[in-house]
Amino acid sequence: MLLTNTAGILGVMLATQLAPISVSELLGNADRFNRQPVTVSGTMSNYRGTPFRRGGSMYTFDLTDGAETIHVITFAKPPCVSGTVTVEGAFEQVKRRVKVSYSSDEITAWTVTCLPDTVDPRGPKGK
């Protein structure tokens, strides 16, 4: 019963996110979106994959709208490594006591969707 209710609540929360927002809108309203599901569109760059010793991998990249950039973490390999994407996931505003030279806000993504302009018309690897 608890699992069903949790899934229902998550479904309602996801359904309330109507359209993707920009990285600037997300970071400009970080308190409002903190620990909430978000859908954010932007350009993916600095893609990295890190394998775990016991199997599996973690993938990270930066998502930018040209003005602001946020760090994204996902445990499912994205279908592309650069270009325009839409990310669905949970936003977390990380506040630390020490000053850092990088953004500590991040999205833990459960879905990364590559938009059509990122698909090579020649097919995989130029074929």
N, C-alpha and C. Protein backbone atom coordinates (compact mmCIF):
# COMPACT_ATOMS: atom_id res chain seq x y z
N MET A 1 0.83 -1.19 0.00
CA MET A 1 0.00 0.00 0.00
C MET A 1 0.87 1.26 0.00
N LEU A 2 1.91 1.26 0.84
CA LEU A 2 2.80 2.42 0.91
C LEU A 2 3.48 2.66 -0.43
N LEU A 3 3.94 1.59 -1.08
CA LEU A 3 4.60 1.73 -2.36
C LEU A 3 3.66 2.33 -3.40
N THR A 4 2.42 1.91 -3.42
CA THR A 4 1.44 2.44 -4.36
C THR A 4 1.22 3.92 -4.12
N ASN A 5 1.08 4.32 -2.87
CA ASN A 5 0.88 5.74 -2.55
C ASN A 5 2.09 6.57 -2.94
N THR A 6 3.28 6.06 -2.67
CA THR A 6 4.49 6.78 -3.03
C THR A 6 4.58 6.97 -4.53
N ALA A 7 4.30 5.91 -5.29
CA ALA A 7 4.34 6.00 -6.75
C ALA A 7 3.30 7.00 -7.25
N GLY A 8 2.12 7.01 -6.64
CA GLY A 8 1.07 7.95 -7.03
C GLY A 8 1.46 9.38 -6.77
N ILE A 9 2.08 9.62 -5.62
CA ILE A 9 2.52 10.98 -5.28
C ILE A 9 3.59 11.44 -6.25
N LEU A 10 4.56 10.55 -6.55
CA LEU A 10 5.61 10.90 -7.50
C LEU A 10 5.02 11.20 -8.87
N GLY A 11 4.03 10.40 -9.30
CA GLY A 11 3.38 10.63 -10.59
C GLY A 11 2.70 11.98 -10.64
N VAL A 12 2.03 12.37 -9.57
CA VAL A 12 1.37 13.68 -9.51
C VAL A 12 2.40 14.78 -9.54
N MET A 13 3.51 14.61 -8.82
CA MET A 13 4.57 15.63 -8.80
C MET A 13 5.16 15.80 -10.20
N LEU A 14 5.39 14.69 -10.90
CA LEU A 14 5.95 14.78 -12.24
C LEU A 14 4.97 15.40 -13.22
N ALA A 15 3.72 15.10 -13.08
CA ALA A 15 2.70 15.63 -13.98
C ALA A 15 2.54 17.13 -13.82
N THR A 16 2.87 17.67 -12.64
CA THR A 16 2.71 19.10 -12.42
C THR A 16 3.80 19.91 -13.12
N GLN A 17 4.90 19.29 -13.52
CA GLN A 17 5.97 19.98 -14.24
C GLN A 17 5.55 20.07 -15.69
N LEU A 18 5.02 21.22 -16.12
CA LEU A 18 4.44 21.34 -17.44
C LEU A 18 5.46 21.42 -18.57
N ALA A 19 6.38 22.31 -18.48
CA ALA A 19 7.32 22.53 -19.58
C ALA A 19 8.72 22.66 -19.01
N PRO A 20 9.72 22.33 -19.82
CA PRO A 20 11.10 22.49 -19.36
C PRO A 20 11.40 23.96 -19.03
N ILE A 21 12.22 24.15 -18.03
CA ILE A 21 12.68 25.48 -17.66
C ILE A 21 14.15 25.61 -18.05
N SER A 22 14.66 26.82 -18.03
CA SER A 22 16.06 27.05 -18.34
C SER A 22 16.90 26.88 -17.08
N VAL A 23 18.18 26.69 -17.27
CA VAL A 23 19.10 26.60 -16.15
C VAL A 23 19.07 27.90 -15.36
N SER A 24 19.00 29.04 -16.05
CA SER A 24 18.95 30.35 -15.36
C SER A 24 17.71 30.46 -14.49
N GLU A 25 16.56 30.01 -14.99
CA GLU A 25 15.33 30.06 -14.19
C GLU A 25 15.45 29.16 -12.97
N LEU A 26 16.02 27.98 -13.16
CA LEU A 26 16.21 27.05 -12.05
C LEU A 26 17.09 27.66 -10.97
N LEU A 27 18.26 28.14 -11.36
CA LEU A 27 19.20 28.67 -10.38
C LEU A 27 18.73 30.01 -9.79
N GLY A 28 17.96 30.77 -10.57
CA GLY A 28 17.41 32.03 -10.06
C GLY A 28 16.32 31.82 -9.02
N ASN A 29 15.75 30.63 -8.99
CA ASN A 29 14.70 30.28 -8.03
C ASN A 29 15.08 29.01 -7.28
N ALA A 30 16.34 28.90 -6.92
CA ALA A 30 16.87 27.67 -6.32
C ALA A 30 16.12 27.27 -5.05
N ASP A 31 15.76 28.22 -4.21
CA ASP A 31 15.05 27.88 -2.98
C ASP A 31 13.69 27.25 -3.29
N ARG A 32 13.03 27.75 -4.31
CA ARG A 32 11.70 27.24 -4.69
C ARG A 32 11.77 25.81 -5.25
N PHE A 33 12.83 25.53 -6.03
CA PHE A 33 12.96 24.23 -6.67
C PHE A 33 13.75 23.21 -5.85
N ASN A 34 14.35 23.62 -4.73
CA ASN A 34 15.20 22.74 -3.95
C ASN A 34 14.47 21.45 -3.56
N ARG A 35 15.11 20.33 -3.86
CA ARG A 35 14.59 18.99 -3.56
C ARG A 35 13.26 18.69 -4.26
N GLN A 36 13.06 19.30 -5.42
CA GLN A 36 11.85 19.10 -6.21
C GLN A 36 12.22 18.45 -7.54
N PRO A 37 11.28 17.71 -8.13
CA PRO A 37 11.52 17.21 -9.48
C PRO A 37 11.48 18.37 -10.47
N VAL A 38 12.39 18.38 -11.43
CA VAL A 38 12.47 19.45 -12.41
C VAL A 38 12.69 18.86 -13.80
N THR A 39 12.32 19.63 -14.80
CA THR A 39 12.63 19.32 -16.19
C THR A 39 13.34 20.56 -16.74
N VAL A 40 14.59 20.37 -17.15
CA VAL A 40 15.43 21.50 -17.55
C VAL A 40 16.04 21.21 -18.91
N SER A 41 16.03 22.20 -19.80
CA SER A 41 16.64 22.05 -21.13
C SER A 41 17.88 22.92 -21.21
N GLY A 42 18.83 22.45 -21.99
CA GLY A 42 20.06 23.21 -22.18
C GLY A 42 21.02 22.43 -23.05
N THR A 43 22.27 22.87 -23.05
CA THR A 43 23.32 22.24 -23.84
C THR A 43 24.25 21.45 -22.93
N MET A 44 24.46 20.19 -23.28
CA MET A 44 25.33 19.30 -22.51
C MET A 44 26.77 19.48 -22.94
N SER A 45 27.67 19.53 -21.95
CA SER A 45 29.10 19.58 -22.24
C SER A 45 29.86 18.92 -21.09
N ASN A 46 31.14 18.71 -21.28
CA ASN A 46 32.02 18.13 -20.26
C ASN A 46 31.52 16.79 -19.75
N TYR A 47 31.06 15.94 -20.65
CA TYR A 47 30.55 14.61 -20.32
C TYR A 47 31.68 13.73 -19.78
N ARG A 48 31.41 13.03 -18.67
CA ARG A 48 32.38 12.11 -18.08
C ARG A 48 31.67 10.87 -17.56
N GLY A 49 32.29 9.73 -17.71
CA GLY A 49 31.77 8.48 -17.15
C GLY A 49 32.76 7.95 -16.14
N THR A 50 32.26 7.48 -15.00
CA THR A 50 33.11 6.95 -13.95
C THR A 50 32.61 5.57 -13.55
N PRO A 51 33.38 4.52 -13.86
CA PRO A 51 32.95 3.18 -13.46
C PRO A 51 33.15 2.96 -11.96
N PHE A 52 32.27 2.16 -11.38
CA PHE A 52 32.40 1.79 -9.97
C PHE A 52 33.15 0.47 -9.87
N ARG A 53 33.86 0.27 -8.80
CA ARG A 53 34.63 -0.96 -8.60
C ARG A 53 33.75 -2.20 -8.60
N ARG A 54 32.54 -2.07 -8.08
CA ARG A 54 31.65 -3.23 -7.96
C ARG A 54 30.63 -3.29 -9.09
N GLY A 55 30.91 -2.64 -10.18
CA GLY A 55 30.01 -2.65 -11.33
C GLY A 55 29.17 -1.39 -11.42
N GLY A 56 28.64 -1.14 -12.58
CA GLY A 56 27.85 0.06 -12.80
C GLY A 56 28.74 1.27 -13.04
N SER A 57 28.11 2.36 -13.36
CA SER A 57 28.85 3.60 -13.63
C SER A 57 28.01 4.79 -13.23
N MET A 58 28.70 5.90 -13.06
CA MET A 58 28.06 7.19 -12.83
C MET A 58 28.51 8.10 -13.97
N TYR A 59 27.58 8.87 -14.51
CA TYR A 59 27.88 9.77 -15.61
C TYR A 59 27.58 11.19 -15.14
N THR A 60 28.46 12.11 -15.49
CA THR A 60 28.26 13.51 -15.10
C THR A 60 28.48 14.39 -16.32
N PHE A 61 27.82 15.54 -16.30
CA PHE A 61 28.04 16.53 -17.34
C PHE A 61 27.54 17.88 -16.85
N ASP A 62 27.91 18.91 -17.57
CA ASP A 62 27.43 20.25 -17.29
C ASP A 62 26.27 20.54 -18.23
N LEU A 63 25.27 21.24 -17.72
CA LEU A 63 24.12 21.67 -18.51
C LEU A 63 24.07 23.19 -18.46
N THR A 64 24.07 23.83 -19.63
CA THR A 64 24.10 25.29 -19.67
C THR A 64 23.01 25.83 -20.60
N ASP A 65 22.59 27.05 -20.30
CA ASP A 65 21.67 27.76 -21.20
C ASP A 65 22.39 28.96 -21.83
N GLY A 66 23.71 29.01 -21.70
CA GLY A 66 24.50 30.10 -22.23
C GLY A 66 24.82 31.16 -21.19
N ALA A 67 23.98 31.28 -20.17
CA ALA A 67 24.21 32.25 -19.10
C ALA A 67 24.61 31.57 -17.79
N GLU A 68 23.96 30.45 -17.48
CA GLU A 68 24.21 29.72 -16.24
C GLU A 68 24.51 28.26 -16.56
N THR A 69 25.22 27.61 -15.63
CA THR A 69 25.58 26.20 -15.80
C THR A 69 25.31 25.45 -14.51
N ILE A 70 24.82 24.21 -14.64
CA ILE A 70 24.58 23.36 -13.49
C ILE A 70 25.19 21.99 -13.76
N HIS A 71 25.62 21.32 -12.71
CA HIS A 71 26.21 19.99 -12.77
C HIS A 71 25.08 18.96 -12.74
N VAL A 72 25.17 17.94 -13.60
CA VAL A 72 24.16 16.88 -13.66
C VAL A 72 24.84 15.53 -13.41
N ILE A 73 24.20 14.69 -12.60
CA ILE A 73 24.66 13.34 -12.32
C ILE A 73 23.57 12.38 -12.76
N THR A 74 23.95 11.28 -13.41
CA THR A 74 22.99 10.25 -13.77
C THR A 74 23.67 8.89 -13.68
N PHE A 75 22.90 7.86 -13.37
CA PHE A 75 23.44 6.51 -13.27
C PHE A 75 23.08 5.66 -14.48
N ALA A 76 22.34 6.24 -15.41
CA ALA A 76 22.02 5.59 -16.67
C ALA A 76 22.79 6.33 -17.77
N LYS A 77 23.47 5.60 -18.63
CA LYS A 77 24.27 6.24 -19.68
C LYS A 77 23.37 7.04 -20.61
N PRO A 78 23.64 8.34 -20.76
CA PRO A 78 22.84 9.17 -21.67
C PRO A 78 23.02 8.70 -23.12
N PRO A 79 22.00 8.88 -23.95
CA PRO A 79 22.09 8.46 -25.35
C PRO A 79 22.97 9.37 -26.20
N CYS A 80 23.43 10.47 -25.67
CA CYS A 80 24.35 11.35 -26.39
C CYS A 80 25.37 11.89 -25.38
N VAL A 81 26.45 12.46 -25.89
CA VAL A 81 27.51 12.99 -25.01
C VAL A 81 27.70 14.50 -25.15
N SER A 82 26.90 15.11 -26.02
CA SER A 82 26.96 16.57 -26.18
C SER A 82 25.71 17.01 -26.93
N GLY A 83 25.50 18.32 -26.97
CA GLY A 83 24.37 18.86 -27.71
C GLY A 83 23.21 19.26 -26.81
N THR A 84 22.08 19.54 -27.44
CA THR A 84 20.90 20.01 -26.73
C THR A 84 20.15 18.84 -26.13
N VAL A 85 19.84 18.94 -24.83
CA VAL A 85 19.15 17.86 -24.12
C VAL A 85 18.09 18.43 -23.19
N THR A 86 17.17 17.56 -22.80
CA THR A 86 16.23 17.85 -21.74
C THR A 86 16.51 16.84 -20.64
N VAL A 87 16.66 17.34 -19.41
CA VAL A 87 16.98 16.51 -18.25
C VAL A 87 15.79 16.52 -17.31
N GLU A 88 15.36 15.34 -16.89
CA GLU A 88 14.34 15.22 -15.85
C GLU A 88 15.03 14.61 -14.64
N GLY A 89 14.85 15.24 -13.49
CA GLY A 89 15.49 14.72 -12.30
C GLY A 89 15.15 15.55 -11.07
N ALA A 90 15.91 15.33 -10.02
CA ALA A 90 15.71 16.03 -8.75
C ALA A 90 16.80 17.07 -8.58
N PHE A 91 16.39 18.30 -8.32
CA PHE A 91 17.33 19.40 -8.10
C PHE A 91 17.67 19.47 -6.62
N GLU A 92 18.94 19.70 -6.33
CA GLU A 92 19.33 19.90 -4.95
C GLU A 92 20.28 21.08 -4.85
N GLN A 93 19.91 22.01 -3.99
CA GLN A 93 20.72 23.17 -3.72
C GLN A 93 21.60 22.81 -2.53
N VAL A 94 22.90 22.73 -2.76
CA VAL A 94 23.82 22.32 -1.72
C VAL A 94 24.48 23.56 -1.13
N LYS A 95 24.22 23.77 0.14
CA LYS A 95 24.84 24.91 0.82
C LYS A 95 25.96 24.39 1.72
N ARG A 96 27.14 24.90 1.52
CA ARG A 96 28.30 24.46 2.30
C ARG A 96 28.82 25.64 3.11
N ARG A 97 29.49 25.32 4.18
CA ARG A 97 30.05 26.37 5.03
C ARG A 97 31.32 26.97 4.44
N VAL A 98 32.01 26.19 3.61
CA VAL A 98 33.24 26.69 3.00
C VAL A 98 32.93 27.25 1.63
N LYS A 99 33.69 28.22 1.22
CA LYS A 99 33.49 28.80 -0.11
C LYS A 99 34.11 27.88 -1.16
N VAL A 100 33.38 27.66 -2.22
CA VAL A 100 33.88 26.81 -3.30
C VAL A 100 33.93 27.62 -4.59
N SER A 101 34.81 27.20 -5.49
CA SER A 101 34.97 27.94 -6.74
C SER A 101 34.09 27.37 -7.85
N TYR A 102 33.24 26.40 -7.54
CA TYR A 102 32.36 25.81 -8.53
C TYR A 102 30.95 25.74 -7.97
N SER A 103 30.00 25.56 -8.84
CA SER A 103 28.61 25.45 -8.42
C SER A 103 28.41 24.15 -7.66
N SER A 104 27.79 24.25 -6.50
CA SER A 104 27.53 23.04 -5.73
C SER A 104 26.08 22.61 -5.89
N ASP A 105 25.31 23.33 -6.70
CA ASP A 105 23.94 22.92 -7.01
C ASP A 105 24.02 21.86 -8.08
N GLU A 106 23.10 20.86 -8.01
CA GLU A 106 23.15 19.81 -9.01
C GLU A 106 21.79 19.18 -9.23
N ILE A 107 21.68 18.50 -10.34
CA ILE A 107 20.49 17.72 -10.67
C ILE A 107 20.92 16.26 -10.72
N THR A 108 20.19 15.40 -10.02
CA THR A 108 20.37 13.97 -10.16
C THR A 108 19.29 13.52 -11.14
N ALA A 109 19.72 13.18 -12.35
CA ALA A 109 18.79 12.92 -13.45
C ALA A 109 18.37 11.46 -13.50
N TRP A 110 17.09 11.25 -13.78
CA TRP A 110 16.62 9.90 -14.06
C TRP A 110 16.35 9.73 -15.54
N THR A 111 16.24 10.84 -16.29
CA THR A 111 16.06 10.77 -17.74
C THR A 111 16.85 11.89 -18.41
N VAL A 112 17.59 11.54 -19.45
CA VAL A 112 18.27 12.53 -20.30
C VAL A 112 17.78 12.25 -21.72
N THR A 113 17.13 13.24 -22.32
CA THR A 113 16.60 13.10 -23.67
C THR A 113 17.39 14.01 -24.61
N CYS A 114 18.00 13.40 -25.62
CA CYS A 114 18.75 14.17 -26.62
C CYS A 114 17.76 14.72 -27.63
N LEU A 115 17.86 16.01 -27.91
CA LEU A 115 16.95 16.63 -28.87
C LEU A 115 17.47 16.44 -30.29
N PRO A 116 16.58 16.50 -31.29
CA PRO A 116 16.93 16.14 -32.66
C PRO A 116 18.17 16.81 -33.24
N ASP A 117 18.47 18.03 -32.84
CA ASP A 117 19.64 18.69 -33.42
C ASP A 117 20.94 18.05 -32.98
N THR A 118 20.89 17.11 -32.03
CA THR A 118 22.10 16.43 -31.58
C THR A 118 22.33 15.11 -32.30
N VAL A 119 21.40 14.70 -33.17
CA VAL A 119 21.52 13.44 -33.89
C VAL A 119 22.27 13.67 -35.19
N ASP A 120 23.30 12.90 -35.40
CA ASP A 120 24.09 13.00 -36.64
C ASP A 120 23.26 12.40 -37.77
N PRO A 121 22.91 13.17 -38.82
CA PRO A 121 22.09 12.66 -39.91
C PRO A 121 22.75 11.51 -40.66
N ARG A 122 24.06 11.35 -40.53
CA ARG A 122 24.78 10.25 -41.20
C ARG A 122 24.67 8.96 -40.40
N GLY A 123 24.06 9.02 -39.22
CA GLY A 123 23.92 7.82 -38.40
C GLY A 123 25.06 7.69 -37.42
N PRO A 124 25.11 6.56 -36.70
CA PRO A 124 26.17 6.34 -35.72
C PRO A 124 27.55 6.38 -36.35
N LYS A 125 28.45 7.11 -35.76
CA LYS A 125 29.85 7.21 -36.16
C LYS A 125 30.02 7.57 -37.63
N GLY A 126 29.12 8.42 -38.15
CA GLY A 126 29.27 8.92 -39.50
C GLY A 126 28.92 7.94 -40.61
N LYS A 127 28.24 6.84 -40.28
CA LYS A 127 27.89 5.83 -41.29
C LYS A 127 26.58 6.14 -41.94
